[in-house]
Amino acid sequence: MVDPITAVSPDMKINLSWDSSVSAAPSGFQADVQQAATMLGNAILNPITVTIQVGWGEIGGTLLSSANESEGGPSSTTYVNYGTSNNLQAINLLINQSTLNNTSNITASLPSSNPFGGEYITISAAEAKAFGVPNPYATTFDGMIGIGTAFLSNAVIISAALHELGHALGRAPAWVDSNGVSWYTPFALYTYSAPGQLWQPSATASTAAATSGGYFSVDGGKTNLGNFSGGDSADFVASIADPFSLVDQSITTLTPLDLLVIESQGYQIASPNEVYFVVQQNAQGRNNNGINGEYNGIAPVGQNSVIGLQSATLTSGYNVVILNGARSEY
């Protein structure tokens, strides 16, 4: 008798925790935010679960400063390690992740030495989960978002939720704290002010450096893939049609540029043209006897293997499930 094989969905699960303020939101608010969360979860293949706190007119219990703004961010951040080698280890971690994700081209231009001196790269709670990095600062929530009360239509809410959930997962620029110390993120490693020159944050919005948020590049700054706003250096300028633009444009889908940014953070992304052969070994711990080679030589046990969309002749008696990672459909 053949033991059962179980299929596993590799995508990220985003659980939403609703603040009491959401009771005053429009009737479709929760469904709209859930739609955005599902979209992001389906796009990111890292098999982790993150919990995001959601507010209406407030974020984490703090009122938003304007009805016309929304906010989002990680609930905690951590280090790859706590010593002087933290930054280099963070860079090497991104390189290792890109190797696992078959996206080494994205990290090929990352610096080979620490570019930030004695100041630190930190990673978000969600990134720490995706990378397997311990987070001693973890809280009940991995991130939090607050949607402004002037955001009323379905499209506007979905677009804003996509935007802020992205921030909650770690799409955050370098910044300067009240003591004048600069802090960096994986996102900051792809933000340039010129070829070969990483963008540096400014302590005050009135300085010349703050009038430009730099630009996104995955080839060391040679190619400008999109300018960031000086108002929020993780948001694209308003002229770019994108849910991550500084100004809400009611765009309710993730763009290829968005997916590239998410990949650069170290997450694994589902391509619309990829199909995933998802098979997991049974509880008895048997190996892949009878499966290896059944599908063009792919050994699927215990891992996800990217394959082309083609027919297969299966003779082992095992059940095989093919999952379209872009739509989470079997």
C-alpha atoms as a PDB file:
ATOM      1  CA  MET A   1       0.000   0.000   0.000  1.00  0.00           C
ATOM      2  CA  VAL A   2       1.316   3.422  -0.944  1.00  0.00           C
ATOM      3  CA  ASP A   3       1.347   6.021   1.818  1.00  0.00           C
ATOM      4  CA  PRO A   4      -0.396   9.309   0.967  1.00  0.00           C
ATOM      5  CA  ILE A   5       1.490  12.266  -0.425  1.00  0.00           C
ATOM      6  CA  THR A   6       0.238  15.701   0.599  1.00  0.00           C
ATOM      7  CA  ALA A   7       0.373  18.788  -1.579  1.00  0.00           C
ATOM      8  CA  VAL A   8       1.510  22.013   0.040  1.00  0.00           C
ATOM      9  CA  SER A   9       0.808  25.544  -1.122  1.00  0.00           C
ATOM     10  CA  PRO A  10       4.076  27.519  -0.986  1.00  0.00           C
ATOM     11  CA  ASP A  11       2.675  31.018  -0.803  1.00  0.00           C
ATOM     12  CA  MET A  12       2.858  33.439   2.118  1.00  0.00           C
ATOM     13  CA  LYS A  13      -0.152  33.631   4.395  1.00  0.00           C
ATOM     14  CA  ILE A  14      -1.095  37.124   5.558  1.00  0.00           C
ATOM     15  CA  ASN A  15      -3.464  37.107   8.510  1.00  0.00           C
ATOM     16  CA  LEU A  16      -5.249  40.380   9.211  1.00  0.00           C
ATOM     17  CA  SER A  17      -6.150  41.492  12.725  1.00  0.00           C
ATOM     18  CA  TRP A  18      -8.821  44.204  12.741  1.00  0.00           C
ATOM     19  CA  ASP A  19      -8.661  47.048  15.248  1.00  0.00           C
ATOM     20  CA  SER A  20     -11.949  48.212  16.774  1.00  0.00           C
ATOM     21  CA  SER A  21     -11.698  51.345  14.591  1.00  0.00           C
ATOM     22  CA  VAL A  22     -12.552  49.210  11.557  1.00  0.00           C
ATOM     23  CA  SER A  23     -16.159  49.011  12.751  1.00  0.00           C
ATOM     24  CA  ALA A  24     -16.570  52.588  11.465  1.00  0.00           C
ATOM     25  CA  ALA A  25     -15.069  51.832   8.036  1.00  0.00           C
ATOM     26  CA  PRO A  26     -17.141  51.473   4.833  1.00  0.00           C
ATOM     27  CA  SER A  27     -18.991  48.173   4.443  1.00  0.00           C
ATOM     28  CA  GLY A  28     -16.558  46.750   1.878  1.00  0.00           C
ATOM     29  CA  PHE A  29     -13.413  47.823   3.718  1.00  0.00           C
ATOM     30  CA  GLN A  30     -12.430  44.469   5.184  1.00  0.00           C
ATOM     31  CA  ALA A  31     -13.009  42.640   1.898  1.00  0.00           C
ATOM     32  CA  ASP A  32     -10.923  45.228   0.032  1.00  0.00           C
ATOM     33  CA  VAL A  33      -7.989  44.979   2.436  1.00  0.00           C
ATOM     34  CA  GLN A  34      -8.269  41.188   2.375  1.00  0.00           C
ATOM     35  CA  GLN A  35      -8.143  41.266  -1.430  1.00  0.00           C
ATOM     36  CA  ALA A  36      -4.883  43.212  -1.276  1.00  0.00           C
ATOM     37  CA  ALA A  37      -3.444  40.839   1.324  1.00  0.00           C
ATOM     38  CA  THR A  38      -4.403  37.807  -0.750  1.00  0.00           C
ATOM     39  CA  MET A  39      -2.801  39.352  -3.821  1.00  0.00           C
ATOM     40  CA  LEU A  40       0.489  39.880  -2.005  1.00  0.00           C
ATOM     41  CA  GLY A  41       0.315  36.478  -0.347  1.00  0.00           C
ATOM     42  CA  ASN A  42      -0.217  34.744  -3.679  1.00  0.00           C
ATOM     43  CA  ALA A  43       2.708  36.636  -5.206  1.00  0.00           C
ATOM     44  CA  ILE A  44       5.198  35.729  -2.462  1.00  0.00           C
ATOM     45  CA  LEU A  45       6.121  32.046  -2.277  1.00  0.00           C
ATOM     46  CA  ASN A  46       7.962  31.984   1.053  1.00  0.00           C
ATOM     47  CA  PRO A  47       5.902  29.515   3.152  1.00  0.00           C
ATOM     48  CA  ILE A  48       5.517  31.738   6.206  1.00  0.00           C
ATOM     49  CA  THR A  49       2.593  33.286   8.041  1.00  0.00           C
ATOM     50  CA  VAL A  50       2.611  36.954   8.989  1.00  0.00           C
ATOM     51  CA  THR A  51       0.015  38.819  11.019  1.00  0.00           C
ATOM     52  CA  ILE A  52      -0.780  42.435  10.204  1.00  0.00           C
ATOM     53  CA  GLN A  53      -2.739  44.810  12.453  1.00  0.00           C
ATOM     54  CA  VAL A  54      -5.230  46.914  10.461  1.00  0.00           C
ATOM     55  CA  GLY A  55      -6.729  50.234  11.528  1.00  0.00           C
ATOM     56  CA  TRP A  56      -9.183  52.750  10.041  1.00  0.00           C
ATOM     57  CA  GLY A  57      -8.052  56.332  10.592  1.00  0.00           C
ATOM     58  CA  GLU A  58      -5.354  55.101  12.972  1.00  0.00           C
ATOM     59  CA  ILE A  59      -2.333  52.832  13.002  1.00  0.00           C
ATOM     60  CA  GLY A  60      -1.441  50.770  16.017  1.00  0.00           C
ATOM     61  CA  GLY A  61      -3.786  52.882  18.135  1.00  0.00           C
ATOM     62  CA  THR A  62      -2.289  56.221  17.044  1.00  0.00           C
ATOM     63  CA  LEU A  63      -4.504  58.540  15.007  1.00  0.00           C
ATOM     64  CA  LEU A  64      -3.293  59.318  11.502  1.00  0.00           C
ATOM     65  CA  SER A  65      -2.378  62.968  11.063  1.00  0.00           C
ATOM     66  CA  SER A  66      -4.708  63.382   8.080  1.00  0.00           C
ATOM     67  CA  ALA A  67      -7.775  61.663   6.662  1.00  0.00           C
ATOM     68  CA  ASN A  68      -6.012  61.775   3.290  1.00  0.00           C
ATOM     69  CA  GLU A  69      -3.022  59.689   4.311  1.00  0.00           C
ATOM     70  CA  SER A  70      -2.410  56.043   5.078  1.00  0.00           C
ATOM     71  CA  GLU A  71       0.583  54.487   6.797  1.00  0.00           C
ATOM     72  CA  GLY A  72       2.194  51.103   7.197  1.00  0.00           C
ATOM     73  CA  GLY A  73       5.346  49.543   8.538  1.00  0.00           C
ATOM     74  CA  PRO A  74       6.888  46.611  10.411  1.00  0.00           C
ATOM     75  CA  SER A  75       5.912  46.170  14.059  1.00  0.00           C
ATOM     76  CA  SER A  76       9.492  45.181  14.842  1.00  0.00           C
ATOM     77  CA  THR A  77      12.877  44.990  13.169  1.00  0.00           C
ATOM     78  CA  THR A  78      15.967  42.996  13.991  1.00  0.00           C
ATOM     79  CA  TYR A  79      19.575  42.416  12.987  1.00  0.00           C
ATOM     80  CA  VAL A  80      21.126  39.511  11.143  1.00  0.00           C
ATOM     81  CA  ASN A  81      23.665  39.522  13.967  1.00  0.00           C
ATOM     82  CA  TYR A  82      24.607  41.961  16.694  1.00  0.00           C
ATOM     83  CA  GLY A  83      28.274  42.510  15.894  1.00  0.00           C
ATOM     84  CA  THR A  84      30.324  44.582  13.494  1.00  0.00           C
ATOM     85  CA  SER A  85      29.785  41.995  10.752  1.00  0.00           C
ATOM     86  CA  ASN A  86      26.001  42.555  10.712  1.00  0.00           C
ATOM     87  CA  ASN A  87      25.892  44.560   7.481  1.00  0.00           C
ATOM     88  CA  LEU A  88      28.078  42.172   5.512  1.00  0.00           C
ATOM     89  CA  GLN A  89      26.115  39.209   6.808  1.00  0.00           C
ATOM     90  CA  ALA A  90      22.873  40.925   5.815  1.00  0.00           C
ATOM     91  CA  ILE A  91      24.196  41.429   2.281  1.00  0.00           C
ATOM     92  CA  ASN A  92      25.410  37.825   2.111  1.00  0.00           C
ATOM     93  CA  LEU A  93      22.008  36.683   3.340  1.00  0.00           C
ATOM     94  CA  LEU A  94      20.319  38.507   0.457  1.00  0.00           C
ATOM     95  CA  ILE A  95      22.797  36.951  -1.967  1.00  0.00           C
ATOM     96  CA  ASN A  96      22.091  33.485  -0.578  1.00  0.00           C
ATOM     97  CA  GLN A  97      18.351  34.083  -0.812  1.00  0.00           C
ATOM     98  CA  SER A  98      18.670  35.182  -4.431  1.00  0.00           C
ATOM     99  CA  THR A  99      20.610  32.004  -5.208  1.00  0.00           C
ATOM    100  CA  LEU A 100      17.817  29.926  -3.683  1.00  0.00           C
ATOM    101  CA  ASN A 101      15.247  31.977  -5.614  1.00  0.00           C
ATOM    102  CA  ASN A 102      17.150  31.732  -8.932  1.00  0.00           C
ATOM    103  CA  THR A 103      17.428  35.523  -9.057  1.00  0.00           C
ATOM    104  CA  SER A 104      21.184  35.966  -8.630  1.00  0.00           C
ATOM    105  CA  ASN A 105      21.136  38.697 -11.282  1.00  0.00           C
ATOM    106  CA  ILE A 106      19.330  40.949  -8.791  1.00  0.00           C
ATOM    107  CA  THR A 107      22.076  40.765  -6.171  1.00  0.00           C
ATOM    108  CA  ALA A 108      25.043  40.704  -8.563  1.00  0.00           C
ATOM    109  CA  SER A 109      25.763  44.401  -7.966  1.00  0.00           C
ATOM    110  CA  LEU A 110      25.399  44.431  -4.190  1.00  0.00           C
ATOM    111  CA  PRO A 111      28.505  45.817  -2.456  1.00  0.00           C
ATOM    112  CA  SER A 112      31.176  43.295  -1.479  1.00  0.00           C
ATOM    113  CA  SER A 113      32.101  45.286   1.620  1.00  0.00           C
ATOM    114  CA  ASN A 114      30.122  47.126   4.290  1.00  0.00           C
ATOM    115  CA  PRO A 115      28.847  50.346   2.640  1.00  0.00           C
ATOM    116  CA  PHE A 116      27.451  51.935   5.805  1.00  0.00           C
ATOM    117  CA  GLY A 117      30.340  52.013   8.258  1.00  0.00           C
ATOM    118  CA  GLY A 118      29.225  51.683  11.863  1.00  0.00           C
ATOM    119  CA  GLU A 119      25.528  52.159  11.088  1.00  0.00           C
ATOM    120  CA  TYR A 120      23.259  49.161  10.769  1.00  0.00           C
ATOM    121  CA  ILE A 121      21.119  47.301   8.267  1.00  0.00           C
ATOM    122  CA  THR A 122      17.974  45.974   9.930  1.00  0.00           C
ATOM    123  CA  ILE A 123      15.332  43.625   8.547  1.00  0.00           C
ATOM    124  CA  SER A 124      11.591  43.606   9.161  1.00  0.00           C
ATOM    125  CA  ALA A 125       9.796  40.961  11.205  1.00  0.00           C
ATOM    126  CA  ALA A 126       8.361  39.461   7.995  1.00  0.00           C
ATOM    127  CA  GLU A 127      11.761  39.398   6.290  1.00  0.00           C
ATOM    128  CA  ALA A 128      13.256  37.737   9.376  1.00  0.00           C
ATOM    129  CA  LYS A 129      10.631  34.992   9.118  1.00  0.00           C
ATOM    130  CA  ALA A 130      11.267  34.529   5.399  1.00  0.00           C
ATOM    131  CA  PHE A 131      15.040  34.320   5.916  1.00  0.00           C
ATOM    132  CA  GLY A 132      14.934  32.197   9.067  1.00  0.00           C
ATOM    133  CA  VAL A 133      16.588  34.902  11.190  1.00  0.00           C
ATOM    134  CA  PRO A 134      15.697  34.939  14.920  1.00  0.00           C
ATOM    135  CA  ASN A 135      13.820  38.061  16.011  1.00  0.00           C
ATOM    136  CA  PRO A 136      14.076  38.692  19.758  1.00  0.00           C
ATOM    137  CA  TYR A 137      12.043  41.891  19.304  1.00  0.00           C
ATOM    138  CA  ALA A 138       9.013  40.116  17.816  1.00  0.00           C
ATOM    139  CA  THR A 139       5.589  41.258  18.999  1.00  0.00           C
ATOM    140  CA  THR A 140       2.053  39.969  18.515  1.00  0.00           C
ATOM    141  CA  PHE A 141       1.988  41.516  15.051  1.00  0.00           C
ATOM    142  CA  ASP A 142       4.595  41.393  12.287  1.00  0.00           C
ATOM    143  CA  GLY A 143       3.409  44.680  10.818  1.00  0.00           C
ATOM    144  CA  MET A 144       0.661  47.262  10.997  1.00  0.00           C
ATOM    145  CA  ILE A 145      -1.236  49.492   8.598  1.00  0.00           C
ATOM    146  CA  GLY A 146      -3.728  52.321   8.928  1.00  0.00           C
ATOM    147  CA  ILE A 147      -5.982  53.497   6.087  1.00  0.00           C
ATOM    148  CA  GLY A 148      -7.101  57.135   6.047  1.00  0.00           C
ATOM    149  CA  THR A 149     -10.796  57.846   6.502  1.00  0.00           C
ATOM    150  CA  ALA A 150     -10.954  59.768   3.200  1.00  0.00           C
ATOM    151  CA  PHE A 151     -10.169  56.516   1.338  1.00  0.00           C
ATOM    152  CA  LEU A 152     -13.706  55.374   0.543  1.00  0.00           C
ATOM    153  CA  SER A 153     -14.004  53.625  -2.831  1.00  0.00           C
ATOM    154  CA  ASN A 154     -13.095  49.973  -3.327  1.00  0.00           C
ATOM    155  CA  ALA A 155     -10.288  50.723  -5.769  1.00  0.00           C
ATOM    156  CA  VAL A 156      -8.743  53.386  -3.545  1.00  0.00           C
ATOM    157  CA  ILE A 157      -8.838  51.123  -0.482  1.00  0.00           C
ATOM    158  CA  ILE A 158      -7.347  48.135  -2.340  1.00  0.00           C
ATOM    159  CA  SER A 159      -4.578  50.297  -3.791  1.00  0.00           C
ATOM    160  CA  ALA A 160      -3.810  51.885  -0.424  1.00  0.00           C
ATOM    161  CA  ALA A 161      -3.838  48.506   1.315  1.00  0.00           C
ATOM    162  CA  LEU A 162      -1.405  47.038  -1.230  1.00  0.00           C
ATOM    163  CA  HIS A 163       0.854  50.025  -0.666  1.00  0.00           C
ATOM    164  CA  GLU A 164       0.814  49.912   3.127  1.00  0.00           C
ATOM    165  CA  LEU A 165       1.032  46.126   3.365  1.00  0.00           C
ATOM    166  CA  GLY A 166       4.176  46.345   1.248  1.00  0.00           C
ATOM    167  CA  HIS A 167       5.634  48.720   3.832  1.00  0.00           C
ATOM    168  CA  ALA A 168       4.563  46.364   6.622  1.00  0.00           C
ATOM    169  CA  LEU A 169       6.488  43.536   4.945  1.00  0.00           C
ATOM    170  CA  GLY A 170       9.677  45.614   4.875  1.00  0.00           C
ATOM    171  CA  ARG A 171       9.542  48.008   1.938  1.00  0.00           C
ATOM    172  CA  ALA A 172      11.188  50.794   3.918  1.00  0.00           C
ATOM    173  CA  PRO A 173      13.918  53.303   3.029  1.00  0.00           C
ATOM    174  CA  ALA A 174      16.989  54.268   4.988  1.00  0.00           C
ATOM    175  CA  TRP A 175      16.179  56.834   7.671  1.00  0.00           C
ATOM    176  CA  VAL A 176      17.769  58.997  10.359  1.00  0.00           C
ATOM    177  CA  ASP A 177      16.642  58.781  13.982  1.00  0.00           C
ATOM    178  CA  SER A 178      16.367  61.623  16.495  1.00  0.00           C
ATOM    179  CA  ASN A 179      19.988  61.070  17.553  1.00  0.00           C
ATOM    180  CA  GLY A 180      21.264  61.564  14.021  1.00  0.00           C
ATOM    181  CA  VAL A 181      21.985  57.854  13.484  1.00  0.00           C
ATOM    182  CA  SER A 182      21.182  56.438  10.054  1.00  0.00           C
ATOM    183  CA  TRP A 183      19.451  53.071   9.745  1.00  0.00           C
ATOM    184  CA  TYR A 184      19.350  50.980   6.580  1.00  0.00           C
ATOM    185  CA  THR A 185      17.214  48.194   5.125  1.00  0.00           C
ATOM    186  CA  PRO A 186      17.505  45.629   2.308  1.00  0.00           C
ATOM    187  CA  PHE A 187      15.415  48.068   0.245  1.00  0.00           C
ATOM    188  CA  ALA A 188      18.095  50.752   0.795  1.00  0.00           C
ATOM    189  CA  LEU A 189      20.685  48.536  -0.919  1.00  0.00           C
ATOM    190  CA  TYR A 190      18.876  49.139  -4.224  1.00  0.00           C
ATOM    191  CA  THR A 191      18.240  52.862  -3.782  1.00  0.00           C
ATOM    192  CA  TYR A 192      20.794  55.000  -5.638  1.00  0.00           C
ATOM    193  CA  SER A 193      21.499  58.677  -6.094  1.00  0.00           C
ATOM    194  CA  ALA A 194      23.946  58.042  -8.974  1.00  0.00           C
ATOM    195  CA  PRO A 195      25.661  55.039 -10.584  1.00  0.00           C
ATOM    196  CA  GLY A 196      27.716  53.309  -7.909  1.00  0.00           C
ATOM    197  CA  GLN A 197      26.445  55.686  -5.204  1.00  0.00           C
ATOM    198  CA  LEU A 198      23.846  54.450  -2.726  1.00  0.00           C
ATOM    199  CA  TRP A 199      21.295  57.043  -1.644  1.00  0.00           C
ATOM    200  CA  GLN A 200      21.829  58.460   1.831  1.00  0.00           C
ATOM    201  CA  PRO A 201      18.988  59.634   4.091  1.00  0.00           C
ATOM    202  CA  SER A 202      18.800  63.150   5.466  1.00  0.00           C
ATOM    203  CA  ALA A 203      17.937  64.133   9.019  1.00  0.00           C
ATOM    204  CA  THR A 204      15.688  67.001   7.923  1.00  0.00           C
ATOM    205  CA  ALA A 205      13.211  67.370   5.105  1.00  0.00           C
ATOM    206  CA  SER A 206      14.480  70.882   4.369  1.00  0.00           C
ATOM    207  CA  THR A 207      17.905  69.801   3.136  1.00  0.00           C
ATOM    208  CA  ALA A 208      18.726  69.485  -0.532  1.00  0.00           C
ATOM    209  CA  ALA A 209      19.357  65.760  -0.124  1.00  0.00           C
ATOM    210  CA  ALA A 210      15.766  65.244   0.985  1.00  0.00           C
ATOM    211  CA  THR A 211      14.293  66.808  -2.155  1.00  0.00           C
ATOM    212  CA  SER A 212      15.109  63.598  -4.024  1.00  0.00           C
ATOM    213  CA  GLY A 213      14.425  60.103  -2.761  1.00  0.00           C
ATOM    214  CA  GLY A 214      16.902  58.486  -5.129  1.00  0.00           C
ATOM    215  CA  TYR A 215      15.908  55.807  -7.616  1.00  0.00           C
ATOM    216  CA  PHE A 216      15.490  52.041  -7.774  1.00  0.00           C
ATOM    217  CA  SER A 217      18.195  50.025  -9.517  1.00  0.00           C
ATOM    218  CA  VAL A 218      19.354  46.408  -9.512  1.00  0.00           C
ATOM    219  CA  ASP A 219      22.556  46.944 -11.514  1.00  0.00           C
ATOM    220  CA  GLY A 220      24.531  49.190  -9.217  1.00  0.00           C
ATOM    221  CA  GLY A 221      22.696  52.355 -10.193  1.00  0.00           C
ATOM    222  CA  LYS A 222      23.426  52.139 -13.916  1.00  0.00           C
ATOM    223  CA  THR A 223      19.767  51.731 -14.844  1.00  0.00           C
ATOM    224  CA  ASN A 224      17.112  53.903 -13.223  1.00  0.00           C
ATOM    225  CA  LEU A 225      13.996  51.733 -12.933  1.00  0.00           C
ATOM    226  CA  GLY A 226      11.933  54.350 -11.137  1.00  0.00           C
ATOM    227  CA  ASN A 227      12.450  57.532  -9.122  1.00  0.00           C
ATOM    228  CA  PHE A 228      11.444  57.647  -5.476  1.00  0.00           C
ATOM    229  CA  SER A 229       9.693  60.572  -3.854  1.00  0.00           C
ATOM    230  CA  GLY A 230      11.542  62.898  -1.528  1.00  0.00           C
ATOM    231  CA  GLY A 231       8.498  62.867   0.737  1.00  0.00           C
ATOM    232  CA  ASP A 232       8.716  59.111   1.274  1.00  0.00           C
ATOM    233  CA  SER A 233      11.756  57.449  -0.209  1.00  0.00           C
ATOM    234  CA  ALA A 234      10.058  54.056  -0.430  1.00  0.00           C
ATOM    235  CA  ASP A 235       7.306  55.467  -2.679  1.00  0.00           C
ATOM    236  CA  PHE A 236       7.646  56.074  -6.387  1.00  0.00           C
ATOM    237  CA  VAL A 237       7.069  59.588  -7.689  1.00  0.00           C
ATOM    238  CA  ALA A 238       3.495  60.420  -8.682  1.00  0.00           C
ATOM    239  CA  SER A 239       4.280  60.225 -12.412  1.00  0.00           C
ATOM    240  CA  ILE A 240       4.769  56.439 -12.153  1.00  0.00           C
ATOM    241  CA  ALA A 241       1.479  54.541 -12.469  1.00  0.00           C
ATOM    242  CA  ASP A 242       1.852  52.152  -9.575  1.00  0.00           C
ATOM    243  CA  PRO A 243       0.105  51.322  -6.268  1.00  0.00           C
ATOM    244  CA  PHE A 244       3.393  52.228  -4.588  1.00  0.00           C
ATOM    245  CA  SER A 245       3.341  55.756  -5.965  1.00  0.00           C
ATOM    246  CA  LEU A 246       3.361  58.557  -3.393  1.00  0.00           C
ATOM    247  CA  VAL A 247      -0.099  59.643  -4.602  1.00  0.00           C
ATOM    248  CA  ASP A 248      -2.901  57.075  -4.616  1.00  0.00           C
ATOM    249  CA  GLN A 249      -3.858  56.222  -8.200  1.00  0.00           C
ATOM    250  CA  SER A 250      -6.477  53.530  -7.522  1.00  0.00           C
ATOM    251  CA  ILE A 251      -4.310  50.856  -9.142  1.00  0.00           C
ATOM    252  CA  THR A 252      -5.473  47.510  -7.803  1.00  0.00           C
ATOM    253  CA  THR A 253      -2.811  45.138  -9.149  1.00  0.00           C
ATOM    254  CA  LEU A 254       0.871  44.601  -8.508  1.00  0.00           C
ATOM    255  CA  THR A 255       3.049  45.745 -11.395  1.00  0.00           C
ATOM    256  CA  PRO A 256       6.167  43.926 -12.665  1.00  0.00           C
ATOM    257  CA  LEU A 257       8.180  46.730 -11.054  1.00  0.00           C
ATOM    258  CA  ASP A 258       6.529  46.006  -7.697  1.00  0.00           C
ATOM    259  CA  LEU A 259       7.391  42.324  -7.983  1.00  0.00           C
ATOM    260  CA  LEU A 260      11.005  43.167  -8.778  1.00  0.00           C
ATOM    261  CA  VAL A 261      11.207  45.373  -5.684  1.00  0.00           C
ATOM    262  CA  ILE A 262       9.778  42.547  -3.564  1.00  0.00           C
ATOM    263  CA  GLU A 263      12.311  40.128  -5.070  1.00  0.00           C
ATOM    264  CA  SER A 264      15.131  42.525  -4.266  1.00  0.00           C
ATOM    265  CA  GLN A 265      14.070  42.393  -0.607  1.00  0.00           C
ATOM    266  CA  GLY A 266      14.854  38.664  -0.669  1.00  0.00           C
ATOM    267  CA  TYR A 267      11.360  37.265  -1.075  1.00  0.00           C
ATOM    268  CA  GLN A 268      10.628  34.547  -3.623  1.00  0.00           C
ATOM    269  CA  ILE A 269       8.124  35.670  -6.229  1.00  0.00           C
ATOM    270  CA  ALA A 270       5.695  33.658  -8.354  1.00  0.00           C
ATOM    271  CA  SER A 271       6.042  34.407 -12.041  1.00  0.00           C
ATOM    272  CA  PRO A 272       2.766  34.401 -14.003  1.00  0.00           C
ATOM    273  CA  ASN A 273       4.302  31.801 -16.339  1.00  0.00           C
ATOM    274  CA  GLU A 274       5.660  29.448 -13.691  1.00  0.00           C
ATOM    275  CA  VAL A 275       3.930  26.307 -12.551  1.00  0.00           C
ATOM    276  CA  TYR A 276       5.018  24.615  -9.351  1.00  0.00           C
ATOM    277  CA  PHE A 277       5.350  20.881  -8.842  1.00  0.00           C
ATOM    278  CA  VAL A 278       4.485  20.713  -5.149  1.00  0.00           C
ATOM    279  CA  VAL A 279       4.896  17.335  -3.481  1.00  0.00           C
ATOM    280  CA  GLN A 280       5.832  16.630   0.115  1.00  0.00           C
ATOM    281  CA  GLN A 281       7.058  13.398   1.618  1.00  0.00           C
ATOM    282  CA  ASN A 282       4.654  11.471   3.825  1.00  0.00           C
ATOM    283  CA  ALA A 283       4.624  11.486   7.600  1.00  0.00           C
ATOM    284  CA  GLN A 284       6.478   8.167   7.690  1.00  0.00           C
ATOM    285  CA  GLY A 285       9.478   9.995   6.260  1.00  0.00           C
ATOM    286  CA  ARG A 286       9.900   7.928   3.118  1.00  0.00           C
ATOM    287  CA  ASN A 287      12.118   9.391   0.446  1.00  0.00           C
ATOM    288  CA  ASN A 288      11.252   9.914  -3.188  1.00  0.00           C
ATOM    289  CA  ASN A 289      11.464   6.282  -4.288  1.00  0.00           C
ATOM    290  CA  GLY A 290       9.247   5.905  -7.301  1.00  0.00           C
ATOM    291  CA  ILE A 291       8.895   9.651  -7.882  1.00  0.00           C
ATOM    292  CA  ASN A 292      12.357  10.850  -8.889  1.00  0.00           C
ATOM    293  CA  GLY A 293      12.516  11.094 -12.648  1.00  0.00           C
ATOM    294  CA  GLU A 294       8.799  10.711 -13.151  1.00  0.00           C
ATOM    295  CA  TYR A 295       8.538  14.349 -14.192  1.00  0.00           C
ATOM    296  CA  ASN A 296      11.485  15.187 -16.418  1.00  0.00           C
ATOM    297  CA  GLY A 297      14.003  14.175 -13.765  1.00  0.00           C
ATOM    298  CA  ILE A 298      12.738  16.540 -11.067  1.00  0.00           C
ATOM    299  CA  ALA A 299      13.133  15.296  -7.506  1.00  0.00           C
ATOM    300  CA  PRO A 300      10.231  17.007  -5.750  1.00  0.00           C
ATOM    301  CA  VAL A 301      10.191  15.479  -2.277  1.00  0.00           C
ATOM    302  CA  GLY A 302      10.322  18.057   0.499  1.00  0.00           C
ATOM    303  CA  GLN A 303      10.803  21.057  -1.759  1.00  0.00           C
ATOM    304  CA  ASN A 304       9.111  23.110  -4.447  1.00  0.00           C
ATOM    305  CA  SER A 305      10.504  22.671  -7.943  1.00  0.00           C
ATOM    306  CA  VAL A 306       9.791  25.087 -10.792  1.00  0.00           C
ATOM    307  CA  ILE A 307       8.835  23.276 -13.983  1.00  0.00           C
ATOM    308  CA  GLY A 308       7.507  24.125 -17.398  1.00  0.00           C
ATOM    309  CA  LEU A 309       3.871  23.657 -18.304  1.00  0.00           C
ATOM    310  CA  GLN A 310       3.947  20.273 -20.017  1.00  0.00           C
ATOM    311  CA  SER A 311       2.433  16.809 -19.811  1.00  0.00           C
ATOM    312  CA  ALA A 312       3.754  14.076 -17.551  1.00  0.00           C
ATOM    313  CA  THR A 313       3.556  10.304 -17.557  1.00  0.00           C
ATOM    314  CA  LEU A 314       3.185   9.131 -13.974  1.00  0.00           C
ATOM    315  CA  THR A 315       3.644   5.437 -13.276  1.00  0.00           C
ATOM    316  CA  SER A 316       4.625   5.354  -9.610  1.00  0.00           C
ATOM    317  CA  GLY A 317       1.150   5.267  -8.120  1.00  0.00           C
ATOM    318  CA  TYR A 318       1.806   8.509  -6.259  1.00  0.00           C
ATOM    319  CA  ASN A 319      -0.562  11.435  -6.381  1.00  0.00           C
ATOM    320  CA  VAL A 320       0.968  14.521  -7.962  1.00  0.00           C
ATOM    321  CA  VAL A 321      -0.419  18.031  -7.711  1.00  0.00           C
ATOM    322  CA  ILE A 322       0.594  20.860 -10.011  1.00  0.00           C
ATOM    323  CA  LEU A 323       0.046  24.335  -8.584  1.00  0.00           C
ATOM    324  CA  ASN A 324      -0.109  27.516 -10.616  1.00  0.00           C
ATOM    325  CA  GLY A 325       1.779  29.813  -8.239  1.00  0.00           C
ATOM    326  CA  ALA A 326       0.474  32.999  -9.828  1.00  0.00           C
ATOM    327  CA  ARG A 327      -3.162  32.157  -9.090  1.00  0.00           C
ATOM    328  CA  SER A 328      -2.801  29.584  -6.293  1.00  0.00           C
ATOM    329  CA  GLU A 329      -4.873  27.185  -8.379  1.00  0.00           C
ATOM    330  CA  TYR A 330      -4.277  23.433  -8.563  1.00  0.00           C
END
